[in-house]
PDB file of N, CA and C in Angstrom:
ATOM      1  N   MET A   1      26.335   9.473  -4.530  1.00  0.00           N
ATOM      2  CA  MET A   1      25.804   9.366  -3.185  1.00  0.00           C
ATOM      3  C   MET A   1      25.172   7.988  -2.985  1.00  0.00           C
ATOM      4  N   TYR A   2      25.247   7.533  -1.769  1.00  0.00           N
ATOM      5  CA  TYR A   2      24.621   6.274  -1.375  1.00  0.00           C
ATOM      6  C   TYR A   2      23.704   6.568  -0.200  1.00  0.00           C
ATOM      7  N   TYR A   3      22.563   5.938  -0.208  1.00  0.00           N
ATOM      8  CA  TYR A   3      21.541   6.205   0.797  1.00  0.00           C
ATOM      9  C   TYR A   3      21.177   4.927   1.534  1.00  0.00           C
ATOM     10  N   VAL A   4      21.096   5.026   2.844  1.00  0.00           N
ATOM     11  CA  VAL A   4      20.528   3.981   3.689  1.00  0.00           C
ATOM     12  C   VAL A   4      19.165   4.522   4.097  1.00  0.00           C
ATOM     13  N   TYR A   5      18.141   3.711   3.939  1.00  0.00           N
ATOM     14  CA  TYR A   5      16.799   4.226   4.183  1.00  0.00           C
ATOM     15  C   TYR A   5      15.943   3.192   4.906  1.00  0.00           C
ATOM     16  N   ILE A   6      14.907   3.705   5.541  1.00  0.00           N
ATOM     17  CA  ILE A   6      13.937   2.842   6.215  1.00  0.00           C
ATOM     18  C   ILE A   6      12.560   3.160   5.660  1.00  0.00           C
ATOM     19  N   LEU A   7      11.875   2.107   5.256  1.00  0.00           N
ATOM     20  CA  LEU A   7      10.494   2.202   4.813  1.00  0.00           C
ATOM     21  C   LEU A   7       9.612   1.494   5.825  1.00  0.00           C
ATOM     22  N   THR A   8       8.361   1.896   5.874  1.00  0.00           N
ATOM     23  CA  THR A   8       7.387   1.211   6.701  1.00  0.00           C
ATOM     24  C   THR A   8       6.060   1.154   5.951  1.00  0.00           C
ATOM     25  N   ASN A   9       5.086   0.522   6.553  1.00  0.00           N
ATOM     26  CA  ASN A   9       3.765   0.440   5.925  1.00  0.00           C
ATOM     27  C   ASN A   9       2.854   1.511   6.526  1.00  0.00           C
ATOM     28  N   TRP A  10       1.606   1.497   6.161  1.00  0.00           N
ATOM     29  CA  TRP A  10       0.660   2.563   6.536  1.00  0.00           C
ATOM     30  C   TRP A  10       0.519   2.743   8.047  1.00  0.00           C
ATOM     31  N   ASN A  11       0.624   1.665   8.821  1.00  0.00           N
ATOM     32  CA  ASN A  11       0.458   1.784  10.267  1.00  0.00           C
ATOM     33  C   ASN A  11       1.775   1.625  11.035  1.00  0.00           C
ATOM     34  N   ASN A  12       2.894   1.703  10.327  1.00  0.00           N
ATOM     35  CA  ASN A  12       4.237   1.684  10.927  1.00  0.00           C
ATOM     36  C   ASN A  12       4.568   0.393  11.665  1.00  0.00           C
ATOM     37  N   LYS A  13       3.939  -0.697  11.281  1.00  0.00           N
ATOM     38  CA  LYS A  13       4.179  -1.977  11.961  1.00  0.00           C
ATOM     39  C   LYS A  13       5.292  -2.796  11.323  1.00  0.00           C
ATOM     40  N   VAL A  14       5.505  -2.621  10.029  1.00  0.00           N
ATOM     41  CA  VAL A  14       6.510  -3.392   9.295  1.00  0.00           C
ATOM     42  C   VAL A  14       7.609  -2.438   8.858  1.00  0.00           C
ATOM     43  N   MET A  15       8.864  -2.864   9.008  1.00  0.00           N
ATOM     44  CA  MET A  15       9.996  -2.021   8.602  1.00  0.00           C
ATOM     45  C   MET A  15      10.871  -2.743   7.595  1.00  0.00           C
ATOM     46  N   TYR A  16      11.443  -1.941   6.706  1.00  0.00           N
ATOM     47  CA  TYR A  16      12.392  -2.443   5.724  1.00  0.00           C
ATOM     48  C   TYR A  16      13.575  -1.488   5.705  1.00  0.00           C
ATOM     49  N   VAL A  17      14.781  -2.029   5.796  1.00  0.00           N
ATOM     50  CA  VAL A  17      16.004  -1.229   5.718  1.00  0.00           C
ATOM     51  C   VAL A  17      16.693  -1.574   4.403  1.00  0.00           C
ATOM     52  N   GLY A  18      17.043  -0.542   3.641  1.00  0.00           N
ATOM     53  CA  GLY A  18      17.669  -0.771   2.352  1.00  0.00           C
ATOM     54  C   GLY A  18      18.779   0.215   2.064  1.00  0.00           C
ATOM     55  N   ILE A  19      19.436  -0.005   0.938  1.00  0.00           N
ATOM     56  CA  ILE A  19      20.527   0.852   0.482  1.00  0.00           C
ATOM     57  C   ILE A  19      20.352   1.051  -1.022  1.00  0.00           C
ATOM     58  N   THR A  20      20.698   2.245  -1.497  1.00  0.00           N
ATOM     59  CA  THR A  20      20.600   2.543  -2.923  1.00  0.00           C
ATOM     60  C   THR A  20      21.533   3.695  -3.275  1.00  0.00           C
ATOM     61  N   ASN A  21      21.795   3.829  -4.554  1.00  0.00           N
ATOM     62  CA  ASN A  21      22.567   4.978  -5.014  1.00  0.00           C
ATOM     63  C   ASN A  21      21.659   6.025  -5.664  1.00  0.00           C
ATOM     64  N   ASN A  22      20.359   5.762  -5.703  1.00  0.00           N
ATOM     65  CA  ASN A  22      19.402   6.710  -6.258  1.00  0.00           C
ATOM     66  C   ASN A  22      18.098   6.563  -5.479  1.00  0.00           C
ATOM     67  N   LEU A  23      17.932   7.383  -4.471  1.00  0.00           N
ATOM     68  CA  LEU A  23      16.797   7.227  -3.562  1.00  0.00           C
ATOM     69  C   LEU A  23      15.458   7.497  -4.256  1.00  0.00           C
ATOM     70  N   GLU A  24      15.392   8.498  -5.092  1.00  0.00           N
ATOM     71  CA  GLU A  24      14.131   8.789  -5.778  1.00  0.00           C
ATOM     72  C   GLU A  24      13.695   7.636  -6.678  1.00  0.00           C
ATOM     73  N   ARG A  25      14.639   7.092  -7.449  1.00  0.00           N
ATOM     74  CA  ARG A  25      14.318   5.961  -8.318  1.00  0.00           C
ATOM     75  C   ARG A  25      13.866   4.759  -7.498  1.00  0.00           C
ATOM     76  N   ARG A  26      14.588   4.484  -6.431  1.00  0.00           N
ATOM     77  CA  ARG A  26      14.270   3.314  -5.609  1.00  0.00           C
ATOM     78  C   ARG A  26      12.903   3.455  -4.949  1.00  0.00           C
ATOM     79  N   LEU A  27      12.576   4.656  -4.491  1.00  0.00           N
ATOM     80  CA  LEU A  27      11.265   4.886  -3.910  1.00  0.00           C
ATOM     81  C   LEU A  27      10.165   4.703  -4.946  1.00  0.00           C
ATOM     82  N   TYR A  28      10.424   5.177  -6.148  1.00  0.00           N
ATOM     83  CA  TYR A  28       9.472   4.976  -7.236  1.00  0.00           C
ATOM     84  C   TYR A  28       9.222   3.475  -7.440  1.00  0.00           C
ATOM     85  N   GLU A  29      10.290   2.695  -7.425  1.00  0.00           N
ATOM     86  CA  GLU A  29      10.159   1.242  -7.608  1.00  0.00           C
ATOM     87  C   GLU A  29       9.334   0.624  -6.482  1.00  0.00           C
ATOM     88  N   HIS A  30       9.608   1.031  -5.229  1.00  0.00           N
ATOM     89  CA  HIS A  30       8.849   0.497  -4.095  1.00  0.00           C
ATOM     90  C   HIS A  30       7.376   0.903  -4.183  1.00  0.00           C
ATOM     91  N   LYS A  31       7.112   2.175  -4.424  1.00  0.00           N
ATOM     92  CA  LYS A  31       5.740   2.673  -4.444  1.00  0.00           C
ATOM     93  C   LYS A  31       4.944   2.137  -5.630  1.00  0.00           C
ATOM     94  N   SER A  32       5.633   1.872  -6.719  1.00  0.00           N
ATOM     95  CA  SER A  32       4.969   1.335  -7.910  1.00  0.00           C
ATOM     96  C   SER A  32       4.923  -0.188  -7.921  1.00  0.00           C
ATOM     97  N   LYS A  33       5.473  -0.800  -6.901  1.00  0.00           N
ATOM     98  CA  LYS A  33       5.498  -2.266  -6.752  1.00  0.00           C
ATOM     99  C   LYS A  33       6.135  -2.945  -7.957  1.00  0.00           C
ATOM    100  N   LEU A  34       7.247  -2.386  -8.405  1.00  0.00           N
ATOM    101  CA  LEU A  34       7.945  -2.921  -9.574  1.00  0.00           C
ATOM    102  C   LEU A  34       8.837  -4.111  -9.252  1.00  0.00           C
ATOM    103  N   ALA A  35       9.182  -4.275  -7.992  1.00  0.00           N
ATOM    104  CA  ALA A  35      10.057  -5.386  -7.609  1.00  0.00           C
ATOM    105  C   ALA A  35       9.302  -6.343  -6.697  1.00  0.00           C
ATOM    106  N   ASP A  36       9.357  -7.608  -7.029  1.00  0.00           N
ATOM    107  CA  ASP A  36       8.773  -8.618  -6.145  1.00  0.00           C
ATOM    108  C   ASP A  36       9.613  -8.698  -4.887  1.00  0.00           C
ATOM    109  N   GLY A  37       9.002  -9.105  -3.806  1.00  0.00           N
ATOM    110  CA  GLY A  37       9.757  -9.295  -2.580  1.00  0.00           C
ATOM    111  C   GLY A  37       9.032  -8.729  -1.372  1.00  0.00           C
ATOM    112  N   PHE A  38       9.807  -8.520  -0.327  1.00  0.00           N
ATOM    113  CA  PHE A  38       9.283  -8.132   0.982  1.00  0.00           C
ATOM    114  C   PHE A  38       8.430  -6.872   0.920  1.00  0.00           C
ATOM    115  N   THR A  39       8.961  -5.793   0.314  1.00  0.00           N
ATOM    116  CA  THR A  39       8.240  -4.521   0.328  1.00  0.00           C
ATOM    117  C   THR A  39       6.931  -4.609  -0.461  1.00  0.00           C
ATOM    118  N   ASN A  40       6.931  -5.362  -1.510  1.00  0.00           N
ATOM    119  CA  ASN A  40       5.712  -5.539  -2.293  1.00  0.00           C
ATOM    120  C   ASN A  40       4.700  -6.382  -1.523  1.00  0.00           C
ATOM    121  N   LYS A  41       5.164  -7.470  -0.948  1.00  0.00           N
ATOM    122  CA  LYS A  41       4.286  -8.386  -0.217  1.00  0.00           C
ATOM    123  C   LYS A  41       3.603  -7.711   0.963  1.00  0.00           C
ATOM    124  N   TYR A  42       4.362  -6.871   1.695  1.00  0.00           N
ATOM    125  CA  TYR A  42       3.836  -6.247   2.910  1.00  0.00           C
ATOM    126  C   TYR A  42       3.443  -4.785   2.716  1.00  0.00           C
ATOM    127  N   ASN A  43       3.382  -4.314   1.464  1.00  0.00           N
ATOM    128  CA  ASN A  43       2.970  -2.950   1.137  1.00  0.00           C
ATOM    129  C   ASN A  43       3.783  -1.912   1.926  1.00  0.00           C
ATOM    130  N   VAL A  44       5.085  -2.053   1.855  1.00  0.00           N
ATOM    131  CA  VAL A  44       6.002  -1.180   2.579  1.00  0.00           C
ATOM    132  C   VAL A  44       6.576  -0.159   1.590  1.00  0.00           C
ATOM    133  N   SER A  45       6.118   1.086   1.695  1.00  0.00           N
ATOM    134  CA  SER A  45       6.581   2.098   0.744  1.00  0.00           C
ATOM    135  C   SER A  45       6.642   3.506   1.335  1.00  0.00           C
ATOM    136  N   LYS A  46       6.463   3.642   2.621  1.00  0.00           N
ATOM    137  CA  LYS A  46       6.480   4.950   3.275  1.00  0.00           C
ATOM    138  C   LYS A  46       7.890   5.229   3.800  1.00  0.00           C
ATOM    139  N   LEU A  47       8.544   6.222   3.230  1.00  0.00           N
ATOM    140  CA  LEU A  47       9.908   6.577   3.629  1.00  0.00           C
ATOM    141  C   LEU A  47       9.873   7.357   4.937  1.00  0.00           C
ATOM    142  N   VAL A  48      10.464   6.788   5.986  1.00  0.00           N
ATOM    143  CA  VAL A  48      10.453   7.457   7.294  1.00  0.00           C
ATOM    144  C   VAL A  48      11.834   7.863   7.779  1.00  0.00           C
ATOM    145  N   TYR A  49      12.878   7.373   7.108  1.00  0.00           N
ATOM    146  CA  TYR A  49      14.250   7.714   7.507  1.00  0.00           C
ATOM    147  C   TYR A  49      15.173   7.508   6.319  1.00  0.00           C
ATOM    148  N   TYR A  50      16.169   8.385   6.202  1.00  0.00           N
ATOM    149  CA  TYR A  50      17.264   8.139   5.269  1.00  0.00           C
ATOM    150  C   TYR A  50      18.492   8.906   5.710  1.00  0.00           C
ATOM    151  N   ASP A  51      19.624   8.406   5.279  1.00  0.00           N
ATOM    152  CA  ASP A  51      20.911   9.033   5.544  1.00  0.00           C
ATOM    153  C   ASP A  51      21.746   8.844   4.281  1.00  0.00           C
ATOM    154  N   SER A  52      22.709   9.713   4.064  1.00  0.00           N
ATOM    155  CA  SER A  52      23.505   9.614   2.845  1.00  0.00           C
ATOM    156  C   SER A  52      24.995   9.708   3.147  1.00  0.00           C
ATOM    157  N   THR A  53      25.772   9.148   2.230  1.00  0.00           N
ATOM    158  CA  THR A  53      27.224   9.180   2.312  1.00  0.00           C
ATOM    159  C   THR A  53      27.783   9.001   0.899  1.00  0.00           C
ATOM    160  N   THR A  54      29.010   9.412   0.714  1.00  0.00           N
ATOM    161  CA  THR A  54      29.663   9.175  -0.575  1.00  0.00           C
ATOM    162  C   THR A  54      30.450   7.869  -0.570  1.00  0.00           C
ATOM    163  N   ASP A  55      30.531   7.227   0.571  1.00  0.00           N
ATOM    164  CA  ASP A  55      31.331   6.011   0.749  1.00  0.00           C
ATOM    165  C   ASP A  55      30.421   4.781   0.731  1.00  0.00           C
ATOM    166  N   VAL A  56      30.492   3.998  -0.334  1.00  0.00           N
ATOM    167  CA  VAL A  56      29.624   2.834  -0.453  1.00  0.00           C
ATOM    168  C   VAL A  56      29.874   1.826   0.667  1.00  0.00           C
ATOM    169  N   LYS A  57      31.109   1.655   1.083  1.00  0.00           N
ATOM    170  CA  LYS A  57      31.397   0.705   2.167  1.00  0.00           C
ATOM    171  C   LYS A  57      30.774   1.159   3.476  1.00  0.00           C
ATOM    172  N   ALA A  58      30.798   2.471   3.728  1.00  0.00           N
ATOM    173  CA  ALA A  58      30.170   3.007   4.936  1.00  0.00           C
ATOM    174  C   ALA A  58      28.657   2.810   4.882  1.00  0.00           C
ATOM    175  N   ALA A  59      28.081   2.985   3.714  1.00  0.00           N
ATOM    176  CA  ALA A  59      26.634   2.798   3.559  1.00  0.00           C
ATOM    177  C   ALA A  59      26.246   1.339   3.810  1.00  0.00           C
ATOM    178  N   ILE A  60      27.000   0.431   3.254  1.00  0.00           N
ATOM    179  CA  ILE A  60      26.727  -0.998   3.462  1.00  0.00           C
ATOM    180  C   ILE A  60      26.862  -1.368   4.932  1.00  0.00           C
ATOM    181  N   ALA A  61      27.904  -0.857   5.579  1.00  0.00           N
ATOM    182  CA  ALA A  61      28.113  -1.129   7.005  1.00  0.00           C
ATOM    183  C   ALA A  61      26.963  -0.568   7.840  1.00  0.00           C
ATOM    184  N   ARG A  62      26.494   0.631   7.493  1.00  0.00           N
ATOM    185  CA  ARG A  62      25.394   1.251   8.236  1.00  0.00           C
ATOM    186  C   ARG A  62      24.103   0.461   8.042  1.00  0.00           C
ATOM    187  N   GLU A  63      23.847   0.013   6.823  1.00  0.00           N
ATOM    188  CA  GLU A  63      22.661  -0.797   6.566  1.00  0.00           C
ATOM    189  C   GLU A  63      22.691  -2.070   7.421  1.00  0.00           C
ATOM    190  N   LYS A  64      23.820  -2.747   7.433  1.00  0.00           N
ATOM    191  CA  LYS A  64      23.943  -3.977   8.229  1.00  0.00           C
ATOM    192  C   LYS A  64      23.778  -3.686   9.713  1.00  0.00           C
ATOM    193  N   GLN A  65      24.342  -2.561  10.155  1.00  0.00           N
ATOM    194  CA  GLN A  65      24.229  -2.186  11.566  1.00  0.00           C
ATOM    195  C   GLN A  65      22.763  -1.993  11.951  1.00  0.00           C
ATOM    196  N   ILE A  66      22.041  -1.202  11.161  1.00  0.00           N
ATOM    197  CA  ILE A  66      20.636  -0.929  11.462  1.00  0.00           C
ATOM    198  C   ILE A  66      19.805  -2.205  11.393  1.00  0.00           C
ATOM    199  N   LYS A  67      20.062  -3.045  10.397  1.00  0.00           N
ATOM    200  CA  LYS A  67      19.324  -4.308  10.283  1.00  0.00           C
ATOM    201  C   LYS A  67      19.522  -5.188  11.512  1.00  0.00           C
ATOM    202  N   GLY A  68      20.665  -5.070  12.163  1.00  0.00           N
ATOM    203  CA  GLY A  68      20.959  -5.880  13.339  1.00  0.00           C
ATOM    204  C   GLY A  68      20.338  -5.356  14.625  1.00  0.00           C
ATOM    205  N   TRP A  69      19.810  -4.162  14.589  1.00  0.00           N
ATOM    206  CA  TRP A  69      19.210  -3.572  15.780  1.00  0.00           C
ATOM    207  C   TRP A  69      17.838  -4.168  16.082  1.00  0.00           C
ATOM    208  N   ILE A  70      17.468  -4.114  17.355  1.00  0.00           N
ATOM    209  CA  ILE A  70      16.113  -4.490  17.741  1.00  0.00           C
ATOM    210  C   ILE A  70      15.160  -3.386  17.274  1.00  0.00           C
ATOM    211  N   ARG A  71      13.906  -3.712  17.207  1.00  0.00           N
ATOM    212  CA  ARG A  71      12.902  -2.777  16.686  1.00  0.00           C
ATOM    213  C   ARG A  71      12.888  -1.453  17.458  1.00  0.00           C
ATOM    214  N   LYS A  72      13.027  -1.514  18.762  1.00  0.00           N
ATOM    215  CA  LYS A  72      12.984  -0.292  19.578  1.00  0.00           C
ATOM    216  C   LYS A  72      14.059   0.694  19.148  1.00  0.00           C
ATOM    217  N   ARG A  73      15.242   0.218  18.872  1.00  0.00           N
ATOM    218  CA  ARG A  73      16.337   1.098  18.452  1.00  0.00           C
ATOM    219  C   ARG A  73      16.064   1.692  17.071  1.00  0.00           C
ATOM    220  N   LYS A  74      15.496   0.906  16.175  1.00  0.00           N
ATOM    221  CA  LYS A  74      15.125   1.420  14.850  1.00  0.00           C
ATOM    222  C   LYS A  74      14.064   2.513  14.983  1.00  0.00           C
ATOM    223  N   ASP A  75      13.084   2.279  15.854  1.00  0.00           N
ATOM    224  CA  ASP A  75      12.057   3.290  16.098  1.00  0.00           C
ATOM    225  C   ASP A  75      12.683   4.583  16.604  1.00  0.00           C
ATOM    226  N   GLU A  76      13.631   4.471  17.524  1.00  0.00           N
ATOM    227  CA  GLU A  76      14.301   5.658  18.064  1.00  0.00           C
ATOM    228  C   GLU A  76      15.059   6.409  16.973  1.00  0.00           C
ATOM    229  N   LEU A  77      15.693   5.687  16.068  1.00  0.00           N
ATOM    230  CA  LEU A  77      16.415   6.314  14.963  1.00  0.00           C
ATOM    231  C   LEU A  77      15.456   7.099  14.072  1.00  0.00           C
ATOM    232  N   VAL A  78      14.328   6.507  13.744  1.00  0.00           N
ATOM    233  CA  VAL A  78      13.325   7.186  12.928  1.00  0.00           C
ATOM    234  C   VAL A  78      12.836   8.440  13.654  1.00  0.00           C
ATOM    235  N   GLU A  79      12.531   8.304  14.934  1.00  0.00           N
ATOM    236  CA  GLU A  79      11.962   9.421  15.684  1.00  0.00           C
ATOM    237  C   GLU A  79      12.931  10.582  15.858  1.00  0.00           C
ATOM    238  N   GLU A  80      14.250  10.309  15.803  1.00  0.00           N
ATOM    239  CA  GLU A  80      15.232  11.398  15.851  1.00  0.00           C
ATOM    240  C   GLU A  80      15.089  12.302  14.627  1.00  0.00           C
ATOM    241  N   MET A  81      14.862  11.718  13.470  1.00  0.00           N
ATOM    242  CA  MET A  81      14.755  12.471  12.217  1.00  0.00           C
ATOM    243  C   MET A  81      13.314  12.873  11.909  1.00  0.00           C
ATOM    244  N   ASN A  82      12.383  12.017  12.268  1.00  0.00           N
ATOM    245  CA  ASN A  82      11.013  12.144  11.796  1.00  0.00           C
ATOM    246  C   ASN A  82      10.040  11.751  12.917  1.00  0.00           C
ATOM    247  N   PRO A  83       9.893  12.610  13.933  1.00  0.00           N
ATOM    248  CA  PRO A  83       9.089  12.238  15.107  1.00  0.00           C
ATOM    249  C   PRO A  83       7.636  11.886  14.808  1.00  0.00           C
ATOM    250  N   SER A  84       7.086  12.423  13.733  1.00  0.00           N
ATOM    251  CA  SER A  84       5.683  12.143  13.419  1.00  0.00           C
ATOM    252  C   SER A  84       5.510  10.992  12.427  1.00  0.00           C
ATOM    253  N   TRP A  85       6.607  10.372  12.020  1.00  0.00           N
ATOM    254  CA  TRP A  85       6.583   9.224  11.113  1.00  0.00           C
ATOM    255  C   TRP A  85       5.864   9.569   9.805  1.00  0.00           C
ATOM    256  N   GLU A  86       6.077  10.764   9.307  1.00  0.00           N
ATOM    257  CA  GLU A  86       5.501  11.162   8.025  1.00  0.00           C
ATOM    258  C   GLU A  86       6.268  10.512   6.884  1.00  0.00           C
ATOM    259  N   ASP A  87       5.629  10.410   5.733  1.00  0.00           N
ATOM    260  CA  ASP A  87       6.308   9.931   4.535  1.00  0.00           C
ATOM    261  C   ASP A  87       7.185  11.077   4.026  1.00  0.00           C
ATOM    262  N   LEU A  88       8.481  10.936   4.196  1.00  0.00           N
ATOM    263  CA  LEU A  88       9.419  12.001   3.827  1.00  0.00           C
ATOM    264  C   LEU A  88       9.458  12.262   2.332  1.00  0.00           C
ATOM    265  N   SER A  89       8.980  11.319   1.557  1.00  0.00           N
ATOM    266  CA  SER A  89       8.983  11.496   0.102  1.00  0.00           C
ATOM    267  C   SER A  89       7.693  12.141  -0.404  1.00  0.00           C
ATOM    268  N   ALA A  90       6.726  12.336   0.464  1.00  0.00           N
ATOM    269  CA  ALA A  90       5.422  12.858   0.043  1.00  0.00           C
ATOM    270  C   ALA A  90       5.517  14.256  -0.559  1.00  0.00           C
ATOM    271  N   LYS A  91       6.474  15.053  -0.124  1.00  0.00           N
ATOM    272  CA  LYS A  91       6.601  16.422  -0.612  1.00  0.00           C
ATOM    273  C   LYS A  91       7.598  16.562  -1.756  1.00  0.00           C
ATOM    274  N   TRP A  92       8.177  15.474  -2.180  1.00  0.00           N
ATOM    275  CA  TRP A  92       9.124  15.525  -3.297  1.00  0.00           C
ATOM    276  C   TRP A  92       8.378  15.856  -4.572  1.00  0.00           C
ATOM    277  N   GLU A  93       9.057  16.472  -5.504  1.00  0.00           N
ATOM    278  CA  GLU A  93       8.438  16.847  -6.766  1.00  0.00           C
ATOM    279  C   GLU A  93       8.229  15.650  -7.697  1.00  0.00           C
ATOM    280  N   VAL A  94       8.896  14.564  -7.432  1.00  0.00           N
ATOM    281  CA  VAL A  94       8.745  13.351  -8.242  1.00  0.00           C
ATOM    282  C   VAL A  94       7.368  12.760  -7.937  1.00  0.00           C
ATOM    283  N   SER A  95       6.643  12.407  -8.965  1.00  0.00           N
ATOM    284  CA  SER A  95       5.336  11.791  -8.713  1.00  0.00           C
ATOM    285  C   SER A  95       5.491  10.277  -8.698  1.00  0.00           C
ATOM    286  N   PHE A  96       4.951   9.667  -7.677  1.00  0.00           N
ATOM    287  CA  PHE A  96       5.030   8.224  -7.526  1.00  0.00           C
ATOM    288  C   PHE A  96       3.727   7.660  -7.982  1.00  0.00           C
TER     289      PHE A  96
END
């Protein structure tokens, strides 16, 4: 499986769109600040949206599509799945 996901920070002001083949592992990396870069610098680790596919090319295309959208459209996408902007990973059994 391949996942396209959106992370945000505590007040939902900063967004990050990414792709991975292991969402739990990748979230662990973001939340534990194991990778230098944008998400670490801006404390972006709250999972607010994700989608999955078995087609890596489709996942890459979807990631690029979402990255190209204006912020308002990204917000609308999140609100379709997660109207309250909760951390979707908060209830997972994996401890971050």
